[in-house]
Amino acid sequence: MFDSAPNLEYLRSFSMVVKYGSVAGAVNKSKLSLPTLSRHIKLLEAELGASLFSRTNNGMMITEIGEQVYATSKILFQTAADLHSDVLQSKANKSGIVKIVASTGIAAIILPQIFNSADLLSSDIQLHLATTHNVTDELLGENDIAIQTHRPTNLNLIASRIGEIALGAYASATYLDAMGAPSSLSDLKDHRIIGGLETKSFRDIVDQSFGSNVSNQAFHLSCENHSVAWQMVLAGCGIGFTHISYGDNEPRVKRVLKILPTLDLPIWLVAHQEINNSHRIRFIYDLISNGINKA
């Protein structure tokens, strides 16, 4: 179908000649030279196998076929202009669905403080938030934006390291009254640990900060969902990890092993290349990035 279509550059030159009444008139209204316009007309006639103008002593007169071609070209170029306008409007549109995938901890602790933005609340954007214990590049295929704690392996994705999460160990007063507080890493063998080291990136960071004796520690209550695991900590079921900014402000728990370094997890914000063509996805991407940077 496209192989038999006329050259659009030639067709545009023809349309300008008809619109402005002559080749000279079209030259005055365009950046093209008279020889170029004349050549385009001849090439278009050759492509169509028809004369579009009759040349007389009084100038060029459009033929009946030329009138038909001009009428069709006006529809064609108007459709192209409408398409361009629709694309620009779509890019500028701040309404529609944005799908996000994040770990349960980030979704429960960080995102609520970002998604209460007045700009977001007043927009027509609908957020679809999926949570998981391990955000992978494959999961981004189903979503527009991913918030994860490791650098993506797919080089075709847009990724920015936007901050860090500092994790600490916490236990409820009820648990500490019953079991006492650990004073060293070796004491953890006598305590009940809640949570899990589901991802290799988290295990590697634990090994770097605490040593493999902690990452190899058996979790007495293994749970992939951070929110559920944290409720277990609050109920006195054992010692668990959470964001220091969150745990330190929770009056029902106390931080243990403060003498140890924090577990610092990087935060990566990841999106597809199409973010450059979608105002609503870019808006949410920037909102999350700015929110985490300020946290």
Protein backbone atom coordinates (compact mmCIF):
# COMPACT_ATOMS: atom_id res chain seq x y z
CA MET A 1 0.00 0.00 0.00
CA PHE A 2 2.74 2.47 0.94
CA ASP A 3 4.89 1.56 -2.08
CA SER A 4 2.25 2.95 -4.44
CA ALA A 5 1.61 6.17 -2.49
CA PRO A 6 2.81 9.43 -4.04
CA ASN A 7 5.76 11.28 -2.53
CA LEU A 8 4.33 13.54 0.16
CA GLU A 9 6.95 16.24 -0.42
CA TYR A 10 5.92 16.44 -4.08
CA LEU A 11 2.25 16.44 -3.09
CA ARG A 12 2.81 19.28 -0.63
CA SER A 13 4.56 21.36 -3.30
CA PHE A 14 1.68 20.72 -5.72
CA SER A 15 -0.87 21.76 -3.09
CA MET A 16 0.99 24.99 -2.40
CA VAL A 17 1.08 25.87 -6.10
CA VAL A 18 -2.68 25.33 -6.35
CA LYS A 19 -3.39 27.20 -3.12
CA TYR A 20 -1.33 30.27 -4.06
CA GLY A 21 -2.30 30.27 -7.75
CA SER A 22 1.12 29.80 -9.35
CA VAL A 23 4.62 28.46 -8.84
CA ALA A 24 5.84 32.03 -8.23
CA GLY A 25 3.14 32.52 -5.59
CA ALA A 26 4.15 29.30 -3.84
CA VAL A 27 7.82 30.39 -3.90
CA ASN A 28 6.90 33.61 -2.07
CA LYS A 29 5.08 31.66 0.65
CA SER A 30 7.62 28.87 1.12
CA LYS A 31 11.34 28.29 1.55
CA LEU A 32 11.53 26.34 -1.70
CA SER A 33 13.01 27.70 -4.90
CA LEU A 34 11.13 27.96 -8.20
CA PRO A 35 13.21 25.18 -9.85
CA THR A 36 12.56 22.88 -6.89
CA LEU A 37 8.80 23.43 -6.96
CA SER A 38 8.68 22.97 -10.73
CA ARG A 39 10.68 19.75 -10.45
CA HIS A 40 8.35 18.44 -7.70
CA ILE A 41 5.31 19.02 -9.89
CA LYS A 42 6.87 17.12 -12.81
CA LEU A 43 7.93 14.23 -10.58
CA LEU A 44 4.46 14.01 -9.01
CA GLU A 45 2.84 13.93 -12.48
CA ALA A 46 5.26 11.16 -13.45
CA GLU A 47 4.40 9.17 -10.30
CA LEU A 48 0.65 9.53 -10.90
CA GLY A 49 0.87 9.10 -14.64
CA ALA A 50 -1.37 12.11 -15.20
CA SER A 51 -1.11 15.80 -16.04
CA LEU A 52 -2.09 17.97 -13.08
CA PHE A 53 -1.76 21.27 -14.89
CA SER A 54 -2.27 22.34 -18.49
CA ARG A 55 0.38 24.84 -19.54
CA THR A 56 -0.96 27.76 -21.64
CA ASN A 57 0.27 31.17 -22.69
CA ASN A 58 -1.70 32.55 -19.75
CA GLY A 59 0.02 30.30 -17.23
CA MET A 60 -0.75 26.98 -15.57
CA MET A 61 -4.39 25.80 -15.36
CA ILE A 62 -5.26 22.92 -13.05
CA THR A 63 -6.77 19.91 -14.78
CA GLU A 64 -9.81 17.91 -13.67
CA ILE A 65 -7.55 15.19 -12.31
CA GLY A 66 -5.48 17.92 -10.65
CA GLU A 67 -8.64 19.15 -8.89
CA GLN A 68 -9.28 15.63 -7.58
CA VAL A 69 -5.70 15.26 -6.39
CA TYR A 70 -5.84 18.66 -4.66
CA ALA A 71 -9.11 17.82 -2.88
CA THR A 72 -7.64 14.53 -1.64
CA SER A 73 -4.35 16.18 -0.61
CA LYS A 74 -6.22 18.72 1.54
CA ILE A 75 -7.91 15.86 3.42
CA LEU A 76 -4.59 14.04 3.75
CA PHE A 77 -2.68 16.99 5.16
CA GLN A 78 -5.52 17.98 7.48
CA THR A 79 -5.60 14.42 8.82
CA ALA A 80 -1.83 14.60 9.39
CA ALA A 81 -2.24 17.93 11.21
CA ASP A 82 -5.02 16.47 13.38
CA LEU A 83 -2.84 13.46 14.16
CA HIS A 84 0.01 15.71 15.23
CA SER A 85 -2.35 17.72 17.42
CA ASP A 86 -3.75 14.55 19.01
CA VAL A 87 -0.25 13.27 19.80
CA LEU A 88 0.75 16.59 21.38
CA GLN A 89 -2.44 16.63 23.42
CA SER A 90 -1.85 13.06 24.53
CA LYS A 91 1.69 13.90 25.63
CA ALA A 92 0.42 16.89 27.61
CA ASN A 93 -2.53 15.03 29.10
CA LYS A 94 -2.34 14.55 32.87
CA SER A 95 -5.26 12.15 33.03
CA GLY A 96 -5.38 8.38 32.77
CA ILE A 97 -3.84 5.38 34.48
CA VAL A 98 -0.26 5.07 35.74
CA LYS A 99 0.80 1.61 36.94
CA ILE A 100 3.46 1.39 39.64
CA VAL A 101 5.17 -1.60 41.23
CA ALA A 102 7.09 -1.30 44.51
CA SER A 103 8.19 -3.38 47.48
CA THR A 104 5.64 -3.67 50.26
CA GLY A 105 7.83 -1.67 52.63
CA ILE A 106 8.31 1.26 50.26
CA ALA A 107 4.63 1.17 49.30
CA ALA A 108 3.45 1.19 52.91
CA ILE A 109 5.94 3.61 54.46
CA ILE A 110 7.22 6.01 51.79
CA LEU A 111 4.55 6.34 49.10
CA PRO A 112 1.68 7.57 51.33
CA GLN A 113 3.74 10.67 52.18
CA ILE A 114 4.25 11.31 48.46
CA PHE A 115 0.82 10.49 47.09
CA ASN A 116 -0.89 13.00 49.39
CA SER A 117 0.49 15.74 47.10
CA ALA A 118 -2.04 18.46 46.33
CA ASP A 119 -0.98 18.40 42.66
CA LEU A 120 -1.75 14.69 42.45
CA LEU A 121 -5.00 14.93 44.38
CA SER A 122 -6.26 17.65 42.03
CA SER A 123 -5.33 15.73 38.86
CA ASP A 124 -7.31 13.11 36.94
CA ILE A 125 -4.53 10.52 37.17
CA GLN A 126 -5.52 7.07 38.42
CA LEU A 127 -2.75 5.17 40.20
CA HIS A 128 -2.60 1.37 40.10
CA LEU A 129 -0.11 0.22 42.76
CA ALA A 130 1.19 -3.34 42.79
CA THR A 131 3.31 -4.57 45.70
CA THR A 132 5.80 -7.41 45.90
CA HIS A 133 8.77 -8.49 48.03
CA ASN A 134 11.07 -8.53 44.99
CA VAL A 135 10.69 -6.01 42.17
CA THR A 136 12.24 -7.36 38.96
CA ASP A 137 12.77 -6.00 35.44
CA GLU A 138 10.12 -8.45 34.26
CA LEU A 139 7.52 -6.90 36.55
CA LEU A 140 8.15 -3.49 35.00
CA GLY A 141 6.92 -4.96 31.73
CA GLU A 142 3.44 -4.96 33.26
CA ASN A 143 3.80 -1.50 34.82
CA ASP A 144 4.86 2.04 33.92
CA ILE A 145 7.16 2.73 36.89
CA ALA A 146 9.09 0.49 39.28
CA ILE A 147 10.63 1.45 42.63
CA GLN A 148 13.29 -1.07 43.53
CA THR A 149 16.43 -1.55 45.61
CA HIS A 150 18.77 -2.72 42.85
CA ARG A 151 20.00 -1.38 39.53
CA PRO A 152 17.96 -2.76 36.60
CA THR A 153 19.78 -5.15 34.28
CA ASN A 154 17.84 -4.07 31.17
CA LEU A 155 19.86 -1.26 29.60
CA ASN A 156 16.85 -0.10 27.54
CA LEU A 157 15.12 1.16 30.66
CA ILE A 158 15.38 4.66 32.13
CA ALA A 159 16.74 4.38 35.68
CA SER A 160 17.80 6.85 38.38
CA ARG A 161 19.24 6.18 41.81
CA ILE A 162 17.21 8.63 43.86
CA GLY A 163 18.14 7.86 47.46
CA GLU A 164 18.67 5.28 50.16
CA ILE A 165 16.62 3.53 52.81
CA ALA A 166 18.33 3.13 56.19
CA LEU A 167 17.06 0.04 58.01
CA GLY A 168 17.34 -0.76 61.70
CA ALA A 169 16.30 -3.62 64.00
CA TYR A 170 13.33 -3.10 66.31
CA ALA A 171 11.34 -4.97 68.93
CA SER A 172 8.31 -4.18 71.07
CA ALA A 173 8.56 -3.41 74.77
CA THR A 174 6.56 -6.59 75.44
CA TYR A 175 9.11 -8.72 73.62
CA LEU A 176 12.10 -7.02 75.23
CA ASP A 177 10.60 -7.43 78.71
CA ALA A 178 10.19 -11.13 78.09
CA MET A 179 13.39 -11.90 76.15
CA GLY A 180 15.76 -9.06 76.94
CA ALA A 181 17.60 -6.91 74.39
CA PRO A 182 20.48 -8.32 72.33
CA SER A 183 23.75 -6.50 72.97
CA SER A 184 25.71 -8.06 70.10
CA LEU A 185 25.21 -9.94 66.86
CA SER A 186 26.02 -13.21 68.55
CA ASP A 187 23.05 -12.68 70.89
CA LEU A 188 20.64 -12.92 67.95
CA LYS A 189 20.87 -16.71 68.04
CA ASP A 190 18.86 -16.56 71.26
CA HIS A 191 16.15 -14.31 69.80
CA ARG A 192 13.24 -14.70 67.45
CA ILE A 193 13.80 -12.93 64.12
CA ILE A 194 10.91 -11.81 61.93
CA GLY A 195 11.05 -11.11 58.21
CA GLY A 196 13.27 -12.58 55.54
CA LEU A 197 16.13 -11.98 53.12
CA GLU A 198 14.17 -12.71 49.96
CA THR A 199 16.40 -10.84 47.50
CA LYS A 200 20.08 -11.33 46.76
CA SER A 201 20.68 -7.56 46.89
CA PHE A 202 19.35 -7.44 50.47
CA ARG A 203 21.40 -10.48 51.52
CA ASP A 204 24.55 -8.92 50.05
CA ILE A 205 24.00 -5.68 52.00
CA VAL A 206 23.38 -7.63 55.22
CA ASP A 207 26.60 -9.57 54.65
CA GLN A 208 28.55 -6.36 54.06
CA SER A 209 27.15 -4.66 57.18
CA PHE A 210 26.73 -7.51 59.67
CA GLY A 211 28.49 -10.54 58.22
CA SER A 212 27.17 -13.84 56.89
CA ASN A 213 26.32 -15.09 60.37
CA VAL A 214 23.28 -12.80 60.27
CA SER A 215 22.20 -13.49 56.69
CA ASN A 216 22.41 -17.21 57.46
CA GLN A 217 20.36 -16.75 60.61
CA ALA A 218 17.13 -18.76 60.54
CA PHE A 219 14.09 -16.51 60.56
CA HIS A 220 11.65 -17.81 63.11
CA LEU A 221 8.76 -16.07 61.36
CA SER A 222 9.45 -15.64 57.66
CA CYS A 223 7.11 -13.23 55.88
CA GLU A 224 7.49 -11.57 52.49
CA ASN A 225 4.99 -8.82 53.26
CA HIS A 226 6.68 -6.03 55.22
CA SER A 227 3.42 -4.64 56.61
CA VAL A 228 2.37 -8.02 57.99
CA ALA A 229 5.84 -8.71 59.39
CA TRP A 230 5.81 -5.31 61.11
CA GLN A 231 2.48 -6.07 62.75
CA MET A 232 4.10 -9.20 64.15
CA VAL A 233 6.90 -7.07 65.60
CA LEU A 234 4.38 -4.70 67.18
CA ALA A 235 2.57 -7.68 68.70
CA GLY A 236 5.76 -8.85 70.42
CA CYS A 237 6.51 -11.85 68.20
CA GLY A 238 10.20 -11.01 67.74
CA ILE A 239 12.79 -8.62 66.31
CA GLY A 240 12.28 -7.21 62.82
CA PHE A 241 13.73 -4.64 60.43
CA THR A 242 12.11 -1.47 59.16
CA HIS A 243 13.00 2.01 57.93
CA ILE A 244 14.70 3.97 60.71
CA SER A 245 12.70 7.10 59.89
CA TYR A 246 9.57 5.04 60.53
CA GLY A 247 10.71 2.81 63.41
CA ASP A 248 12.20 5.65 65.46
CA ASN A 249 8.83 7.44 65.38
CA GLU A 250 6.84 4.39 66.44
CA PRO A 251 6.32 4.57 70.25
CA ARG A 252 5.40 0.89 70.52
CA VAL A 253 8.90 -0.34 69.63
CA LYS A 254 12.51 0.27 70.58
CA ARG A 255 15.52 0.06 68.32
CA VAL A 256 17.99 -2.67 69.26
CA LEU A 257 21.66 -3.07 68.38
CA LYS A 258 22.12 0.66 67.85
CA ILE A 259 25.88 0.21 67.99
CA LEU A 260 25.77 -1.58 64.64
CA PRO A 261 25.84 0.22 61.27
CA THR A 262 22.52 0.74 59.52
CA LEU A 263 21.48 -1.36 56.55
CA ASP A 264 21.44 1.10 53.64
CA LEU A 265 19.39 -0.01 50.65
CA PRO A 266 19.63 2.04 47.42
CA ILE A 267 16.38 3.23 45.86
CA TRP A 268 16.15 3.02 42.06
CA LEU A 269 13.33 4.60 40.09
CA VAL A 270 12.83 2.81 36.78
CA ALA A 271 10.58 3.43 33.76
CA HIS A 272 10.21 2.58 30.08
CA GLN A 273 11.47 4.85 27.30
CA GLU A 274 7.88 5.94 26.59
CA ILE A 275 8.02 8.13 29.69
CA ASN A 276 9.36 10.81 27.33
CA ASN A 277 6.05 10.73 25.43
CA SER A 278 3.66 10.65 28.38
CA HIS A 279 3.14 13.69 30.57
CA ARG A 280 1.20 11.76 33.21
CA ILE A 281 3.91 9.08 33.63
CA ARG A 282 6.63 11.74 33.73
CA PHE A 283 4.60 13.68 36.30
CA ILE A 284 4.34 10.67 38.62
CA TYR A 285 7.99 9.71 38.04
CA ASP A 286 9.15 13.21 39.02
CA LEU A 287 6.71 13.32 41.95
CA ILE A 288 8.17 10.10 43.40
CA SER A 289 11.75 11.18 42.72
CA ASN A 290 11.30 14.57 44.38
CA GLY A 291 9.38 13.05 47.29
CA ILE A 292 12.03 10.47 48.11
CA ASN A 293 14.84 13.02 47.74
CA LYS A 294 13.12 15.23 50.32
CA ALA A 295 12.44 12.35 52.71
